[in-house]
Protein backbone atom coordinates (compact mmCIF):
# COMPACT_ATOMS: atom_id res chain seq x y z
CA MET A 1 81.68 97.79 -26.37
CA PRO A 2 82.08 95.25 -28.14
CA GLN A 3 80.55 92.22 -28.29
CA ASP A 4 80.91 89.45 -25.95
CA ILE A 5 83.22 86.57 -27.21
CA HIS A 6 81.62 84.60 -24.44
CA PRO A 7 78.33 85.04 -24.29
CA VAL A 8 75.88 83.60 -22.00
CA GLU A 9 72.54 83.15 -20.73
CA THR A 10 70.14 85.09 -22.92
CA ARG A 11 66.33 84.63 -21.67
CA PRO A 12 65.55 86.63 -18.90
CA LEU A 13 66.77 85.64 -15.65
CA ARG A 14 63.72 84.81 -12.71
CA ALA A 15 64.85 86.41 -9.48
CA ASP A 16 66.81 83.47 -8.06
CA GLY A 17 68.89 83.74 -11.15
CA ARG A 18 70.02 86.65 -10.89
CA ARG A 19 70.09 86.59 -7.63
CA ASN A 20 72.48 82.67 -7.81
CA ARG A 21 74.74 85.47 -10.24
CA ALA A 22 75.25 88.42 -8.36
CA ARG A 23 76.50 86.16 -5.17
CA LEU A 24 78.70 84.65 -8.17
CA VAL A 25 80.35 88.18 -8.88
CA GLU A 26 80.98 88.70 -5.78
CA ALA A 27 82.34 85.93 -4.65
CA ALA A 28 84.88 86.52 -7.79
CA LYS A 29 85.84 89.57 -7.46
CA ARG A 30 87.04 88.34 -3.79
CA GLY A 31 88.83 84.78 -5.31
CA PHE A 32 90.39 87.39 -7.87
CA ALA A 33 91.29 89.33 -5.45
CA GLU A 34 92.66 87.42 -2.58
CA GLN A 35 94.49 84.60 -5.47
CA GLY A 36 94.35 85.96 -8.43
CA PRO A 37 93.52 84.13 -11.91
CA ASN A 38 93.59 80.75 -10.72
CA VAL A 39 92.22 79.77 -7.95
CA PRO A 40 89.53 77.38 -8.21
CA LEU A 41 86.34 77.75 -9.80
CA GLU A 42 84.87 75.12 -7.24
CA HIS A 43 85.87 77.92 -4.77
CA ILE A 44 84.27 81.10 -5.84
CA ALA A 45 80.99 78.49 -5.95
CA ARG A 46 81.26 77.65 -2.50
CA ASP A 47 82.05 80.90 -2.01
CA ALA A 48 78.48 82.33 -3.42
CA ALA A 49 76.52 79.22 -2.87
CA VAL A 50 75.91 76.95 -5.09
CA GLY A 51 76.52 74.59 -6.77
CA ILE A 52 79.61 74.64 -9.75
CA GLY A 53 76.34 73.46 -12.61
CA THR A 54 75.45 77.05 -11.14
CA LEU A 55 78.59 79.08 -12.03
CA TYR A 56 78.53 77.35 -15.58
CA ARG A 57 75.07 77.70 -16.91
CA HIS A 58 75.23 81.51 -15.74
CA PHE A 59 79.80 82.13 -17.24
CA PRO A 60 80.95 78.98 -19.41
CA THR A 61 84.27 80.05 -19.18
CA ARG A 62 86.49 81.53 -16.53
CA ASP A 63 87.19 84.28 -19.64
CA ALA A 64 82.95 84.98 -19.31
CA LEU A 65 83.37 85.68 -15.55
CA ILE A 66 86.68 87.80 -15.50
CA GLU A 67 83.91 89.95 -17.61
CA ALA A 68 81.30 89.77 -16.10
CA VAL A 69 83.65 91.22 -12.76
CA TYR A 70 84.84 94.07 -14.84
CA ARG A 71 81.37 95.15 -16.11
CA GLN A 72 79.49 94.77 -13.13
CA GLU A 73 82.51 97.32 -11.81
CA VAL A 74 81.70 100.06 -14.87
CA ASP A 75 77.51 99.66 -13.52
CA ALA A 76 77.84 100.33 -10.62
CA LEU A 77 80.56 103.16 -11.98
CA VAL A 78 78.01 104.69 -13.78
CA ASP A 79 74.94 103.42 -11.81
CA ALA A 80 76.62 105.66 -8.91
CA ALA A 81 76.13 109.42 -10.63
CA SER A 82 72.36 108.89 -11.43
CA GLN A 83 72.07 108.39 -7.59
CA MET A 84 74.39 110.83 -6.55
CA GLU A 85 72.88 113.53 -8.59
CA ALA A 86 69.88 112.88 -6.68
CA ASN A 87 70.81 113.60 -2.79
CA GLN A 88 73.92 115.50 -3.58
CA SER A 89 74.24 119.11 -4.26
CA SER A 90 76.11 119.32 -8.33
CA GLY A 91 79.90 119.66 -6.46
CA GLU A 92 79.69 117.56 -3.97
CA ALA A 93 77.96 114.68 -5.92
CA LEU A 94 80.89 115.38 -8.57
CA ARG A 95 83.60 114.67 -5.05
CA SER A 96 81.87 111.93 -4.19
CA TRP A 97 81.80 110.03 -7.70
CA LEU A 98 85.23 110.28 -8.92
CA VAL A 99 86.48 109.56 -5.63
CA LEU A 100 84.05 106.65 -6.13
CA PHE A 101 85.71 106.76 -9.66
CA VAL A 102 89.54 105.81 -7.31
CA ASP A 103 87.65 102.89 -5.97
CA PHE A 104 87.16 100.92 -9.28
CA LEU A 105 90.78 101.70 -10.13
CA GLU A 106 92.01 99.91 -7.28
CA THR A 107 89.69 97.57 -8.35
CA LYS A 108 90.79 97.29 -11.22
CA GLN A 109 94.80 97.27 -10.05
CA GLY A 110 93.45 94.21 -7.86
CA ILE A 111 92.98 91.80 -10.32
CA GLY A 112 94.39 93.53 -13.06
CA ALA A 113 96.14 90.29 -13.40
CA VAL A 114 93.67 88.63 -13.34
CA LEU A 115 91.79 91.09 -16.61
CA ASP A 116 95.57 90.12 -17.94
CA THR A 117 94.71 86.63 -18.76
CA LEU A 118 91.54 87.06 -21.07
CA ILE A 119 91.90 85.07 -24.35
CA GLY A 120 93.12 88.04 -27.12
CA GLY A 121 94.03 89.99 -23.94
CA SER A 122 92.53 92.90 -22.23
CA GLU A 123 92.39 95.75 -24.11
CA PRO A 124 88.87 94.37 -26.10
CA LEU A 125 86.59 94.52 -22.36
CA TYR A 126 89.34 98.27 -21.68
CA SER A 127 89.05 99.28 -25.02
CA GLY A 128 84.62 99.32 -24.30
CA THR A 129 84.86 101.87 -21.07
CA PRO A 130 86.03 105.35 -22.00
CA ALA A 131 82.20 105.24 -24.07
CA ARG A 132 80.19 104.13 -20.50
CA LEU A 133 82.27 106.46 -18.01
CA SER A 134 81.92 109.52 -20.68
CA PRO A 135 77.75 109.69 -20.09
CA PRO A 136 78.14 110.54 -16.20
CA ILE A 137 81.17 112.43 -15.97
CA ASP A 138 80.00 114.81 -18.51
CA ARG A 139 76.84 115.26 -17.31
CA LEU A 140 77.68 115.57 -13.51
CA VAL A 141 80.99 118.07 -14.38
CA GLU A 142 78.14 120.65 -16.99
CA ARG A 143 75.40 120.65 -13.82
CA ALA A 144 78.26 121.60 -11.30
CA ASN A 145 79.69 123.93 -14.49
CA ALA A 146 75.62 125.42 -14.14
CA ASP A 147 75.71 125.58 -10.45
CA GLY A 148 79.03 127.57 -10.36
CA ASP A 149 80.50 125.18 -7.66
CA VAL A 150 83.61 125.14 -10.21
CA GLN A 151 84.39 126.55 -13.21
CA ILE A 152 85.76 123.14 -15.43
CA ASP A 153 86.50 124.18 -19.06
CA ILE A 154 88.62 121.45 -20.85
CA ALA A 155 86.97 117.91 -21.22
CA PRO A 156 85.23 116.01 -18.32
CA LEU A 157 87.19 113.17 -19.43
CA ASN A 158 90.61 114.38 -18.51
CA LEU A 159 89.42 114.75 -15.52
CA LEU A 160 89.65 111.10 -15.43
CA ARG A 161 92.38 110.65 -17.06
CA ALA A 162 94.40 112.36 -14.92
CA ILE A 163 93.56 111.22 -11.24
CA ALA A 164 94.14 107.36 -12.73
CA GLY A 165 97.17 108.42 -14.38
CA VAL A 166 97.76 108.87 -10.04
CA ALA A 167 96.95 104.61 -10.09
CA THR A 168 99.49 104.40 -13.40
CA ILE A 169 102.88 106.24 -12.45
CA ARG A 170 102.54 105.70 -8.41
CA PRO A 171 100.79 102.92 -7.31
CA GLU A 172 102.63 101.80 -4.44
CA THR A 173 100.97 102.35 -1.20
CA GLY A 174 99.77 105.68 -0.88
CA TRP A 175 97.60 106.20 -3.96
CA LYS A 176 93.99 106.71 -3.49
CA GLN A 177 95.18 109.52 -0.79
CA GLN A 178 97.39 111.24 -3.16
CA ALA A 179 93.86 110.55 -5.95
CA VAL A 180 91.70 112.12 -3.35
CA ALA A 181 93.85 114.92 -3.02
CA LEU A 182 94.90 115.90 -6.87
CA ILE A 183 90.80 115.09 -7.20
CA ASP A 184 90.00 118.40 -4.29
CA LEU A 185 93.47 119.86 -5.69
CA LEU A 186 91.79 120.43 -9.25
CA LEU A 187 87.78 120.98 -7.91
CA ARG A 188 89.50 123.85 -5.96
CA SER A 189 91.31 125.22 -8.80
CA GLY A 190 87.93 124.48 -10.18
CA ARG A 191 85.96 126.93 -8.42
CA ASN A 192 88.45 129.28 -8.26
CA ALA A 193 90.02 130.53 -11.43
CA GLY A 194 88.14 127.77 -13.30
CA ILE A 195 90.49 124.81 -15.02
CA ARG A 196 90.70 125.47 -18.37
CA GLY A 197 92.99 123.35 -21.41
């Protein structure tokens, strides 16, 4: 993943600092989704129940805050894979994670206009995402294949590309249901005859 062009605090945060940072990112996610890229930073700080100085200590620029919101969504998706593997069968874990990926796409669409305001564009931020998502989807598919829950022979990232294509091509209301239906179709086909390509 490319280096941050807007570095934030590098010292380890105390517990209260971590809580404040997490609240700020959640408040920013809400604010950006509801009001777009021009939501006042004072509004975000107020929603997070911190002062504006605390916001600037964690995120010295609006771009740094936008990047943090996007990266948190990617981190949450990556972290969820291990939890699902530990608590669900291999087929269920794969399906659950793919549905969570659809939720990630919805959030990305919701803050898309905000991401497009980044200095230098959003591509440097997006470009590292496939490398982050590759290990969990590879692991989930490999486990489901090994257990015989499905037989998927295409590159696992291509599953994500197919699902993302639904959100890109048909972004109108109802695309989420179509994306989940595609997941079920792909997994059902994988159980019956294998998905190859």
